[in-house]
Amino acid sequence: MLLFISHSLGCQYYIGRYADDRFTPETHGRMTWVDRAFFAPESLVDERGRRIMWAWIFEGRPRAQQEAALWAGTMSLPRVLWLGDDKTLRMAPPEELTSLRLRVFIDRSVVEVFANERQVVMRRIYPTRQDSVGVRLFARGGAAQVRVWRAWEMDATNVW
């Protein structure tokens, strides 16, 4: 796998063969569809041989709000990457995150949804209404089935 960014399209990858000091791409995929919000991927191979990747999640607020807040953007959750039996890229949260449970992670202004070990959808959100405390699931262009829905409160990871 060759993992890279396009400044206009965000995080992307090629899957192919590497032989004789040459990479030959066979398939291509993107890790963000509508914009370039998932950007600047990094990865490493851990001591267990897992390829673990994370990337920058771009800020969605106007520049003036970013400056007033004194911060902008954040890093994604880590993802373990591997090739499936069908030679397509697979991804899932590392098992160390199982204590956090759903495949849907919501943390203040970030939502990350891991879907079928095939893709992760992430978005920065900024709810401004006082009643912006719920989650709603929907599908466009087809049907979706939710087999189990459970939610757990997470403790803060820092005091800020």
N, C-alpha and C. Protein backbone atom coordinates (compact mmCIF):
# COMPACT_ATOMS: atom_id res chain seq x y z
N MET A 1 0.84 -1.17 0.00
CA MET A 1 0.00 0.00 0.00
C MET A 1 0.88 1.23 0.00
N LEU A 2 0.50 2.18 -0.82
CA LEU A 2 1.14 3.49 -0.84
C LEU A 2 0.12 4.49 -0.32
N LEU A 3 0.39 5.08 0.83
CA LEU A 3 -0.50 6.02 1.49
C LEU A 3 0.01 7.42 1.19
N PHE A 4 -0.88 8.35 0.78
CA PHE A 4 -0.43 9.69 0.40
C PHE A 4 -1.57 10.69 0.52
N ILE A 5 -1.24 11.98 0.36
CA ILE A 5 -2.27 13.02 0.33
C ILE A 5 -2.25 13.72 -1.01
N SER A 6 -3.41 14.20 -1.37
CA SER A 6 -3.58 15.14 -2.45
C SER A 6 -4.08 16.41 -1.78
N HIS A 7 -3.44 17.54 -2.05
CA HIS A 7 -3.86 18.77 -1.38
C HIS A 7 -5.31 19.13 -1.68
N SER A 8 -5.82 18.71 -2.81
CA SER A 8 -7.21 19.03 -3.13
C SER A 8 -8.20 17.91 -2.78
N LEU A 9 -7.72 16.67 -2.57
CA LEU A 9 -8.62 15.54 -2.31
C LEU A 9 -8.37 14.82 -1.00
N GLY A 10 -7.35 15.19 -0.24
CA GLY A 10 -7.10 14.58 1.05
C GLY A 10 -6.40 13.24 0.98
N CYS A 11 -6.60 12.42 2.02
CA CYS A 11 -5.90 11.15 2.19
C CYS A 11 -6.38 10.13 1.15
N GLN A 12 -5.41 9.48 0.51
CA GLN A 12 -5.70 8.48 -0.51
C GLN A 12 -4.69 7.34 -0.40
N TYR A 13 -4.95 6.28 -1.15
CA TYR A 13 -4.02 5.16 -1.14
C TYR A 13 -4.09 4.41 -2.47
N TYR A 14 -2.99 3.75 -2.78
CA TYR A 14 -2.92 2.77 -3.87
C TYR A 14 -2.57 1.43 -3.24
N ILE A 15 -3.16 0.38 -3.74
CA ILE A 15 -2.78 -0.97 -3.37
C ILE A 15 -2.21 -1.61 -4.62
N GLY A 16 -1.09 -2.27 -4.47
CA GLY A 16 -0.46 -2.88 -5.63
C GLY A 16 0.64 -3.82 -5.23
N ARG A 17 1.59 -3.99 -6.16
CA ARG A 17 2.71 -4.90 -5.93
C ARG A 17 4.01 -4.13 -5.96
N TYR A 18 4.91 -4.53 -5.07
CA TYR A 18 6.25 -3.95 -5.03
C TYR A 18 7.24 -5.06 -5.37
N ALA A 19 7.93 -4.90 -6.47
CA ALA A 19 8.92 -5.88 -6.89
C ALA A 19 10.00 -5.18 -7.69
N ASP A 20 11.21 -5.63 -7.54
CA ASP A 20 12.36 -5.07 -8.28
C ASP A 20 12.45 -3.56 -8.13
N ASP A 21 12.30 -3.10 -6.88
CA ASP A 21 12.38 -1.66 -6.57
C ASP A 21 11.35 -0.82 -7.32
N ARG A 22 10.21 -1.42 -7.61
CA ARG A 22 9.16 -0.69 -8.33
C ARG A 22 7.78 -1.04 -7.78
N PHE A 23 6.97 0.00 -7.53
CA PHE A 23 5.60 -0.20 -7.06
C PHE A 23 4.65 -0.09 -8.25
N THR A 24 3.81 -1.09 -8.44
CA THR A 24 2.84 -1.09 -9.52
C THR A 24 1.44 -1.06 -8.92
N PRO A 25 0.73 0.09 -9.01
CA PRO A 25 -0.61 0.18 -8.43
C PRO A 25 -1.61 -0.70 -9.16
N GLU A 26 -2.52 -1.30 -8.37
CA GLU A 26 -3.59 -2.11 -8.95
C GLU A 26 -4.97 -1.54 -8.63
N THR A 27 -5.13 -0.94 -7.45
CA THR A 27 -6.39 -0.29 -7.08
C THR A 27 -6.09 1.01 -6.37
N HIS A 28 -7.08 1.89 -6.34
CA HIS A 28 -6.94 3.21 -5.73
C HIS A 28 -8.16 3.48 -4.87
N GLY A 29 -7.99 4.18 -3.78
CA GLY A 29 -9.12 4.56 -2.94
C GLY A 29 -8.85 5.86 -2.21
N ARG A 30 -9.95 6.47 -1.75
CA ARG A 30 -9.87 7.71 -0.98
C ARG A 30 -10.41 7.44 0.42
N MET A 31 -9.91 8.21 1.38
CA MET A 31 -10.40 8.08 2.75
C MET A 31 -11.29 9.25 3.15
N THR A 32 -11.64 10.07 2.20
CA THR A 32 -12.62 11.14 2.39
C THR A 32 -13.24 11.40 1.02
N TRP A 33 -14.55 11.65 1.00
CA TRP A 33 -15.24 11.73 -0.28
C TRP A 33 -15.58 13.14 -0.72
N VAL A 34 -16.19 13.92 0.13
CA VAL A 34 -16.71 15.21 -0.29
C VAL A 34 -15.71 16.34 -0.20
N ASP A 35 -14.65 16.14 0.52
CA ASP A 35 -13.69 17.22 0.71
C ASP A 35 -12.33 16.61 1.03
N ARG A 36 -11.46 17.41 1.55
CA ARG A 36 -10.12 16.93 1.92
C ARG A 36 -9.92 16.97 3.42
N ALA A 37 -11.00 16.81 4.19
CA ALA A 37 -10.97 16.99 5.64
C ALA A 37 -10.09 15.97 6.36
N PHE A 38 -9.85 14.82 5.78
CA PHE A 38 -8.97 13.81 6.37
C PHE A 38 -7.66 13.93 5.64
N PHE A 39 -6.62 14.42 6.32
CA PHE A 39 -5.44 14.94 5.64
C PHE A 39 -4.16 14.50 6.34
N ALA A 40 -3.08 14.52 5.63
CA ALA A 40 -1.73 14.28 6.17
C ALA A 40 -1.63 12.97 6.95
N PRO A 41 -1.85 11.83 6.31
CA PRO A 41 -1.80 10.55 7.01
C PRO A 41 -0.39 10.21 7.49
N GLU A 42 -0.34 9.55 8.61
CA GLU A 42 0.90 9.01 9.17
C GLU A 42 0.62 7.55 9.51
N SER A 43 1.65 6.73 9.47
CA SER A 43 1.45 5.34 9.89
C SER A 43 2.76 4.77 10.41
N LEU A 44 2.61 3.68 11.12
CA LEU A 44 3.78 2.96 11.64
C LEU A 44 3.40 1.50 11.76
N VAL A 45 4.40 0.67 11.89
CA VAL A 45 4.19 -0.74 12.19
C VAL A 45 4.56 -0.93 13.65
N ASP A 46 3.61 -1.41 14.45
CA ASP A 46 3.90 -1.55 15.88
C ASP A 46 4.65 -2.84 16.15
N GLU A 47 4.96 -3.08 17.43
CA GLU A 47 5.75 -4.26 17.81
C GLU A 47 5.03 -5.56 17.53
N ARG A 48 3.70 -5.51 17.28
CA ARG A 48 2.94 -6.72 16.95
C ARG A 48 2.77 -6.91 15.44
N GLY A 49 3.37 -6.01 14.65
CA GLY A 49 3.30 -6.13 13.20
C GLY A 49 2.08 -5.49 12.58
N ARG A 50 1.30 -4.74 13.37
CA ARG A 50 0.10 -4.09 12.84
C ARG A 50 0.48 -2.75 12.19
N ARG A 51 -0.10 -2.47 11.03
CA ARG A 51 0.06 -1.16 10.40
C ARG A 51 -0.99 -0.26 11.02
N ILE A 52 -0.58 0.76 11.76
CA ILE A 52 -1.50 1.67 12.43
C ILE A 52 -1.36 3.04 11.81
N MET A 53 -2.50 3.62 11.45
CA MET A 53 -2.53 4.88 10.72
C MET A 53 -3.42 5.88 11.46
N TRP A 54 -3.11 7.14 11.34
CA TRP A 54 -3.95 8.23 11.83
C TRP A 54 -3.71 9.40 10.91
N ALA A 55 -4.56 10.42 10.98
CA ALA A 55 -4.41 11.58 10.11
C ALA A 55 -4.97 12.82 10.79
N TRP A 56 -4.69 13.93 10.19
CA TRP A 56 -5.17 15.22 10.67
C TRP A 56 -6.61 15.40 10.22
N ILE A 57 -7.48 15.82 11.13
CA ILE A 57 -8.86 16.16 10.77
C ILE A 57 -8.92 17.68 10.70
N PHE A 58 -9.14 18.18 9.51
CA PHE A 58 -9.14 19.63 9.31
C PHE A 58 -10.22 20.33 10.12
N GLU A 59 -9.95 21.53 10.43
CA GLU A 59 -10.86 22.41 11.14
C GLU A 59 -11.99 22.85 10.20
N GLY A 60 -13.20 22.92 10.73
CA GLY A 60 -14.35 23.33 9.92
C GLY A 60 -14.82 24.74 10.21
N ARG A 61 -14.31 25.34 11.29
CA ARG A 61 -14.76 26.68 11.65
C ARG A 61 -14.03 27.75 10.84
N PRO A 62 -14.64 28.93 10.70
CA PRO A 62 -13.94 30.04 10.03
C PRO A 62 -12.66 30.41 10.79
N ARG A 63 -11.71 30.96 10.08
CA ARG A 63 -10.40 31.27 10.66
C ARG A 63 -10.50 32.13 11.92
N ALA A 64 -11.38 33.12 11.92
CA ALA A 64 -11.52 34.00 13.09
C ALA A 64 -11.93 33.21 14.33
N GLN A 65 -12.81 32.23 14.16
CA GLN A 65 -13.22 31.40 15.30
C GLN A 65 -12.08 30.49 15.77
N GLN A 66 -11.29 30.01 14.83
CA GLN A 66 -10.13 29.19 15.19
C GLN A 66 -9.16 30.01 16.04
N GLU A 67 -8.88 31.22 15.59
CA GLU A 67 -7.95 32.08 16.33
C GLU A 67 -8.49 32.46 17.70
N ALA A 68 -9.80 32.72 17.79
CA ALA A 68 -10.40 33.05 19.08
C ALA A 68 -10.36 31.86 20.04
N ALA A 69 -10.50 30.64 19.51
CA ALA A 69 -10.47 29.44 20.34
C ALA A 69 -9.04 29.05 20.75
N LEU A 70 -8.06 29.59 20.06
CA LEU A 70 -6.64 29.30 20.30
C LEU A 70 -6.23 27.88 19.92
N TRP A 71 -7.03 27.21 19.08
CA TRP A 71 -6.65 25.90 18.56
C TRP A 71 -7.44 25.63 17.29
N ALA A 72 -6.93 24.70 16.49
CA ALA A 72 -7.61 24.34 15.24
C ALA A 72 -7.23 22.92 14.85
N GLY A 73 -8.22 22.17 14.43
CA GLY A 73 -7.98 20.81 13.96
C GLY A 73 -7.62 19.85 15.09
N THR A 74 -7.55 18.57 14.74
CA THR A 74 -7.22 17.54 15.72
C THR A 74 -6.78 16.29 14.98
N MET A 75 -6.26 15.34 15.70
CA MET A 75 -5.85 14.08 15.09
C MET A 75 -7.01 13.08 15.18
N SER A 76 -7.08 12.20 14.20
CA SER A 76 -8.10 11.16 14.19
C SER A 76 -7.74 10.07 15.19
N LEU A 77 -8.69 9.19 15.42
CA LEU A 77 -8.39 7.97 16.16
C LEU A 77 -7.46 7.11 15.32
N PRO A 78 -6.66 6.28 15.94
CA PRO A 78 -5.82 5.36 15.15
C PRO A 78 -6.69 4.30 14.48
N ARG A 79 -6.19 3.79 13.36
CA ARG A 79 -6.86 2.72 12.62
C ARG A 79 -5.83 1.66 12.29
N VAL A 80 -6.20 0.44 12.43
CA VAL A 80 -5.35 -0.66 11.98
C VAL A 80 -5.72 -0.94 10.54
N LEU A 81 -4.73 -1.01 9.67
CA LEU A 81 -4.96 -1.27 8.24
C LEU A 81 -4.42 -2.65 7.88
N TRP A 82 -5.13 -3.35 7.02
CA TRP A 82 -4.66 -4.63 6.50
C TRP A 82 -5.37 -4.91 5.19
N LEU A 83 -4.84 -5.87 4.45
CA LEU A 83 -5.49 -6.31 3.21
C LEU A 83 -6.41 -7.48 3.52
N GLY A 84 -7.65 -7.38 3.04
CA GLY A 84 -8.59 -8.47 3.19
C GLY A 84 -8.26 -9.60 2.24
N ASP A 85 -8.93 -10.72 2.38
CA ASP A 85 -8.72 -11.86 1.48
C ASP A 85 -9.00 -11.49 0.03
N ASP A 86 -9.88 -10.49 -0.16
CA ASP A 86 -10.21 -10.04 -1.52
C ASP A 86 -9.26 -8.96 -2.02
N LYS A 87 -8.16 -8.72 -1.29
CA LYS A 87 -7.13 -7.74 -1.64
C LYS A 87 -7.61 -6.29 -1.60
N THR A 88 -8.66 -6.03 -0.81
CA THR A 88 -9.10 -4.65 -0.60
C THR A 88 -8.62 -4.18 0.77
N LEU A 89 -8.46 -2.88 0.89
CA LEU A 89 -8.00 -2.32 2.15
C LEU A 89 -9.08 -2.46 3.21
N ARG A 90 -8.69 -2.94 4.37
CA ARG A 90 -9.59 -3.07 5.52
C ARG A 90 -9.05 -2.18 6.62
N MET A 91 -9.95 -1.73 7.49
CA MET A 91 -9.54 -0.89 8.61
C MET A 91 -10.50 -1.03 9.76
N ALA A 92 -9.96 -0.92 10.96
CA ALA A 92 -10.76 -1.04 12.18
C ALA A 92 -10.01 -0.33 13.30
N PRO A 93 -10.73 0.04 14.35
CA PRO A 93 -10.01 0.61 15.49
C PRO A 93 -9.12 -0.45 16.11
N PRO A 94 -7.97 -0.08 16.65
CA PRO A 94 -7.13 -1.07 17.32
C PRO A 94 -7.87 -1.68 18.51
N GLU A 95 -7.55 -2.90 18.83
CA GLU A 95 -8.25 -3.58 19.92
C GLU A 95 -8.11 -2.84 21.24
N GLU A 96 -7.09 -2.00 21.38
CA GLU A 96 -6.93 -1.22 22.61
C GLU A 96 -8.09 -0.25 22.83
N LEU A 97 -8.83 0.06 21.77
CA LEU A 97 -9.98 0.95 21.90
C LEU A 97 -11.27 0.21 22.22
N THR A 98 -11.21 -1.11 22.38
CA THR A 98 -12.45 -1.84 22.67
C THR A 98 -13.06 -1.42 24.00
N SER A 99 -12.24 -0.90 24.92
CA SER A 99 -12.82 -0.42 26.17
C SER A 99 -13.72 0.79 25.94
N LEU A 100 -13.57 1.44 24.78
CA LEU A 100 -14.44 2.56 24.42
C LEU A 100 -15.68 2.05 23.69
N ARG A 101 -15.81 0.79 23.49
CA ARG A 101 -16.91 0.07 22.90
C ARG A 101 -16.95 0.25 21.40
N LEU A 102 -18.76 1.23 20.55
CA LEU A 102 -19.64 1.27 19.50
C LEU A 102 -18.94 1.16 18.27
N ARG A 103 -18.42 1.26 17.44
CA ARG A 103 -17.75 1.67 16.18
C ARG A 103 -18.10 3.10 15.81
N VAL A 104 -18.82 3.80 16.63
CA VAL A 104 -19.15 5.22 16.44
C VAL A 104 -18.56 5.97 17.63
N PHE A 105 -17.64 6.86 17.36
CA PHE A 105 -16.98 7.62 18.42
C PHE A 105 -17.34 9.09 18.27
N ILE A 106 -17.87 9.66 19.34
CA ILE A 106 -18.23 11.08 19.34
C ILE A 106 -17.49 11.72 20.51
N ASP A 107 -16.67 12.71 20.19
CA ASP A 107 -15.87 13.36 21.22
C ASP A 107 -15.84 14.86 20.95
N ARG A 108 -16.70 15.56 21.62
CA ARG A 108 -16.84 17.01 21.47
C ARG A 108 -17.14 17.37 20.02
N SER A 109 -16.12 17.78 19.25
CA SER A 109 -16.39 18.24 17.89
C SER A 109 -16.01 17.23 16.82
N VAL A 110 -15.78 15.98 17.19
CA VAL A 110 -15.38 14.96 16.21
C VAL A 110 -16.33 13.77 16.28
N VAL A 111 -16.76 13.31 15.12
CA VAL A 111 -17.52 12.07 15.00
C VAL A 111 -16.75 11.18 14.03
N GLU A 112 -16.44 9.95 14.46
CA GLU A 112 -15.80 8.97 13.59
C GLU A 112 -16.62 7.69 13.63
N VAL A 113 -16.97 7.19 12.46
CA VAL A 113 -17.81 6.00 12.34
C VAL A 113 -17.03 4.95 11.54
N PHE A 114 -16.74 3.82 12.16
CA PHE A 114 -16.06 2.71 11.50
C PHE A 114 -17.14 1.80 10.92
N ALA A 115 -17.08 1.55 9.61
CA ALA A 115 -18.15 0.81 8.94
C ALA A 115 -17.61 -0.44 8.24
N ASN A 116 -18.02 -1.60 8.74
CA ASN A 116 -17.79 -2.89 8.07
C ASN A 116 -16.33 -3.17 7.72
N GLU A 117 -15.40 -2.66 8.50
CA GLU A 117 -13.97 -2.83 8.25
C GLU A 117 -13.55 -2.37 6.86
N ARG A 118 -14.36 -1.50 6.25
CA ARG A 118 -14.05 -1.04 4.90
C ARG A 118 -13.77 0.45 4.79
N GLN A 119 -14.36 1.22 5.70
CA GLN A 119 -14.21 2.66 5.62
C GLN A 119 -14.48 3.28 6.97
N VAL A 120 -13.96 4.47 7.16
CA VAL A 120 -14.25 5.26 8.34
C VAL A 120 -14.70 6.63 7.86
N VAL A 121 -15.85 7.03 8.34
CA VAL A 121 -16.36 8.35 7.99
C VAL A 121 -16.12 9.24 9.20
N MET A 122 -15.51 10.39 8.97
CA MET A 122 -15.28 11.30 10.08
C MET A 122 -15.69 12.70 9.68
N ARG A 123 -16.12 13.45 10.68
CA ARG A 123 -16.53 14.84 10.48
C ARG A 123 -16.27 15.63 11.73
N ARG A 124 -15.92 16.88 11.55
CA ARG A 124 -15.91 17.84 12.65
C ARG A 124 -17.32 18.42 12.71
N ILE A 125 -17.85 18.57 13.90
CA ILE A 125 -19.18 19.13 14.08
C ILE A 125 -19.12 20.21 15.14
N TYR A 126 -20.01 21.16 15.05
CA TYR A 126 -20.04 22.27 16.00
C TYR A 126 -21.49 22.59 16.35
N PRO A 127 -22.12 21.76 17.13
CA PRO A 127 -23.51 22.03 17.48
C PRO A 127 -23.60 23.30 18.33
N THR A 128 -24.52 24.18 17.96
CA THR A 128 -24.66 25.44 18.69
C THR A 128 -25.97 25.52 19.45
N ARG A 129 -26.91 24.65 19.15
CA ARG A 129 -28.19 24.67 19.87
C ARG A 129 -28.05 23.97 21.20
N GLN A 130 -28.77 24.44 22.21
CA GLN A 130 -28.73 23.84 23.53
C GLN A 130 -29.24 22.40 23.52
N ASP A 131 -30.14 22.08 22.59
CA ASP A 131 -30.68 20.72 22.53
C ASP A 131 -29.89 19.81 21.59
N SER A 132 -28.70 20.22 21.20
CA SER A 132 -27.86 19.40 20.31
C SER A 132 -27.13 18.33 21.12
N VAL A 133 -27.89 17.39 21.62
CA VAL A 133 -27.30 16.35 22.47
C VAL A 133 -27.61 14.94 21.97
N GLY A 134 -28.28 14.80 20.85
CA GLY A 134 -28.68 13.48 20.37
C GLY A 134 -27.90 13.05 19.15
N VAL A 135 -28.12 11.82 18.76
CA VAL A 135 -27.53 11.23 17.57
C VAL A 135 -28.65 10.65 16.74
N ARG A 136 -28.61 10.89 15.43
CA ARG A 136 -29.63 10.35 14.54
C ARG A 136 -28.94 9.61 13.41
N LEU A 137 -29.41 8.44 13.06
CA LEU A 137 -28.86 7.66 11.96
C LEU A 137 -29.80 7.73 10.77
N PHE A 138 -29.21 7.83 9.58
CA PHE A 138 -30.01 7.83 8.36
C PHE A 138 -29.16 7.33 7.21
N ALA A 139 -29.80 6.95 6.14
CA ALA A 139 -29.11 6.49 4.94
C ALA A 139 -29.68 7.21 3.74
N ARG A 140 -28.83 7.57 2.82
CA ARG A 140 -29.27 8.21 1.57
C ARG A 140 -28.96 7.28 0.41
N GLY A 141 -29.89 7.14 -0.49
CA GLY A 141 -29.65 6.34 -1.68
C GLY A 141 -29.79 4.84 -1.47
N GLY A 142 -30.30 4.42 -0.35
CA GLY A 142 -30.45 2.99 -0.10
C GLY A 142 -30.83 2.74 1.34
N ALA A 143 -31.01 1.49 1.65
CA ALA A 143 -31.42 1.11 3.00
C ALA A 143 -30.20 0.80 3.86
N ALA A 144 -30.34 1.01 5.14
CA ALA A 144 -29.31 0.65 6.10
C ALA A 144 -29.98 -0.06 7.26
N GLN A 145 -29.27 -0.99 7.86
CA GLN A 145 -29.83 -1.73 8.97
C GLN A 145 -28.88 -1.62 10.15
N VAL A 146 -29.39 -1.20 11.29
CA VAL A 146 -28.62 -1.14 12.53
C VAL A 146 -29.06 -2.31 13.38
N ARG A 147 -28.14 -3.20 13.64
CA ARG A 147 -28.48 -4.41 14.40
C ARG A 147 -28.45 -4.16 15.90
N VAL A 148 -27.49 -3.36 16.35
CA VAL A 148 -27.35 -3.08 17.78
C VAL A 148 -26.97 -1.63 17.93
N TRP A 149 -27.58 -0.96 18.91
CA TRP A 149 -27.24 0.43 19.20
C TRP A 149 -27.13 0.57 20.71
N ARG A 150 -25.93 0.83 21.20
CA ARG A 150 -25.69 1.05 22.62
C ARG A 150 -24.79 2.26 22.75
N ALA A 151 -24.93 3.00 23.83
CA ALA A 151 -24.10 4.19 24.04
C ALA A 151 -23.51 4.16 25.44
N TRP A 152 -22.28 4.65 25.55
CA TRP A 152 -21.58 4.75 26.82
C TRP A 152 -20.99 6.14 26.94
N GLU A 153 -21.06 6.71 28.12
CA GLU A 153 -20.39 7.97 28.40
C GLU A 153 -18.90 7.71 28.55
N MET A 154 -18.11 8.60 28.00
CA MET A 154 -16.66 8.48 28.16
C MET A 154 -16.18 9.51 29.16
N ASP A 155 -15.21 9.13 29.99
CA ASP A 155 -14.59 10.09 30.87
C ASP A 155 -13.63 10.97 30.07
N ALA A 156 -13.37 12.15 30.56
CA ALA A 156 -12.43 13.06 29.91
C ALA A 156 -11.03 12.45 29.96
N THR A 157 -10.25 12.67 28.89
CA THR A 157 -8.89 12.16 28.86
C THR A 157 -7.90 13.16 29.42
N ASN A 158 -8.35 14.40 29.59
CA ASN A 158 -7.49 15.41 30.20
C ASN A 158 -8.36 16.43 30.94
N VAL A 159 -7.74 17.33 31.65
CA VAL A 159 -8.49 18.27 32.48
C VAL A 159 -8.87 19.56 31.75
N TRP A 160 -8.42 19.72 30.53
CA TRP A 160 -8.71 20.96 29.80
C TRP A 160 -10.11 20.92 29.33
